Amino acid sequence: MTGAAIGFLVTVWSIVFITIFVSLRRLTSAEAAKKGQK
């Protein structure tokens, strides 16, 4: 593995984790909003 390849993989994985984290946060906040309305 070259340094560039490792840097590329790290960048890709951070984007993936951030995307998953943000979508999970949106799902949980949406669920909380639904519970709050009832």
N, C-alpha and C. Protein backbone atom coordinates (compact mmCIF):
# COMPACT_ATOMS: atom_id res chain seq x y z
N MET A 1 0.85 -1.20 0.00
CA MET A 1 0.00 0.00 0.00
C MET A 1 0.88 1.25 0.00
N THR A 2 0.65 2.12 -0.94
CA THR A 2 1.40 3.38 -0.97
C THR A 2 0.71 4.40 -0.06
N GLY A 3 1.44 5.45 0.27
CA GLY A 3 0.87 6.48 1.13
C GLY A 3 -0.37 7.11 0.51
N ALA A 4 -0.33 7.30 -0.82
CA ALA A 4 -1.48 7.92 -1.49
C ALA A 4 -2.71 7.03 -1.39
N ALA A 5 -2.50 5.71 -1.55
CA ALA A 5 -3.63 4.79 -1.48
C ALA A 5 -4.22 4.78 -0.08
N ILE A 6 -3.36 4.80 0.94
CA ILE A 6 -3.85 4.81 2.32
C ILE A 6 -4.62 6.11 2.58
N GLY A 7 -4.08 7.22 2.13
CA GLY A 7 -4.77 8.50 2.31
C GLY A 7 -6.13 8.50 1.61
N PHE A 8 -6.18 7.91 0.42
CA PHE A 8 -7.44 7.83 -0.32
C PHE A 8 -8.46 6.99 0.44
N LEU A 9 -8.02 5.83 0.95
CA LEU A 9 -8.92 4.95 1.70
C LEU A 9 -9.44 5.65 2.95
N VAL A 10 -8.55 6.33 3.66
CA VAL A 10 -8.97 7.05 4.87
C VAL A 10 -10.02 8.10 4.53
N THR A 11 -9.80 8.83 3.43
CA THR A 11 -10.77 9.85 3.02
C THR A 11 -12.12 9.23 2.70
N VAL A 12 -12.10 8.13 1.93
CA VAL A 12 -13.36 7.46 1.56
C VAL A 12 -14.09 6.98 2.81
N TRP A 13 -13.36 6.32 3.72
CA TRP A 13 -14.01 5.79 4.93
C TRP A 13 -14.55 6.91 5.80
N SER A 14 -13.82 8.04 5.91
CA SER A 14 -14.36 9.12 6.74
C SER A 14 -15.64 9.67 6.15
N ILE A 15 -15.70 9.80 4.81
CA ILE A 15 -16.93 10.27 4.16
C ILE A 15 -18.06 9.29 4.44
N VAL A 16 -17.78 7.99 4.32
CA VAL A 16 -18.82 6.98 4.56
C VAL A 16 -19.33 7.07 6.00
N PHE A 17 -18.41 7.13 6.96
CA PHE A 17 -18.83 7.18 8.37
C PHE A 17 -19.60 8.45 8.68
N ILE A 18 -19.17 9.58 8.13
CA ILE A 18 -19.87 10.85 8.37
C ILE A 18 -21.28 10.78 7.79
N THR A 19 -21.40 10.21 6.57
CA THR A 19 -22.72 10.09 5.94
C THR A 19 -23.65 9.23 6.79
N ILE A 20 -23.14 8.08 7.25
CA ILE A 20 -23.95 7.18 8.08
C ILE A 20 -24.33 7.89 9.38
N PHE A 21 -23.37 8.57 10.01
CA PHE A 21 -23.62 9.25 11.28
C PHE A 21 -24.70 10.31 11.12
N VAL A 22 -24.60 11.11 10.06
CA VAL A 22 -25.57 12.19 9.83
C VAL A 22 -26.96 11.61 9.58
N SER A 23 -27.05 10.56 8.77
CA SER A 23 -28.36 9.98 8.47
C SER A 23 -28.97 9.36 9.72
N LEU A 24 -28.14 8.73 10.56
CA LEU A 24 -28.66 8.17 11.82
C LEU A 24 -29.15 9.29 12.72
N ARG A 25 -28.43 10.39 12.80
CA ARG A 25 -28.85 11.52 13.63
C ARG A 25 -30.19 12.06 13.14
N ARG A 26 -30.36 12.14 11.81
CA ARG A 26 -31.62 12.64 11.26
C ARG A 26 -32.76 11.69 11.59
N LEU A 27 -32.50 10.38 11.49
CA LEU A 27 -33.54 9.40 11.79
C LEU A 27 -33.96 9.50 13.25
N THR A 28 -33.00 9.58 14.16
CA THR A 28 -33.32 9.63 15.58
C THR A 28 -34.04 10.93 15.92
N SER A 29 -33.63 12.05 15.33
CA SER A 29 -34.30 13.32 15.62
C SER A 29 -35.71 13.31 15.04
N ALA A 30 -35.91 12.67 13.89
CA ALA A 30 -37.25 12.56 13.31
C ALA A 30 -38.15 11.72 14.21
N GLU A 31 -37.60 10.62 14.73
CA GLU A 31 -38.38 9.77 15.65
C GLU A 31 -38.74 10.56 16.91
N ALA A 32 -37.81 11.32 17.43
CA ALA A 32 -38.07 12.11 18.64
C ALA A 32 -39.15 13.15 18.36
N ALA A 33 -39.12 13.75 17.17
CA ALA A 33 -40.13 14.74 16.81
C ALA A 33 -41.51 14.11 16.74
N LYS A 34 -41.59 12.90 16.16
CA LYS A 34 -42.87 12.21 16.07
C LYS A 34 -43.42 11.91 17.47
N LYS A 35 -42.54 11.43 18.37
CA LYS A 35 -42.98 11.12 19.73
C LYS A 35 -43.42 12.40 20.45
N GLY A 36 -42.74 13.50 20.18
CA GLY A 36 -43.08 14.76 20.83
C GLY A 36 -44.44 15.28 20.39
N GLN A 37 -44.81 15.02 19.14
CA GLN A 37 -46.09 15.51 18.62
C GLN A 37 -47.28 14.75 19.22
N LYS A 38 -47.07 13.47 19.55
CA LYS A 38 -48.20 12.67 20.03
C LYS A 38 -48.67 13.08 21.42
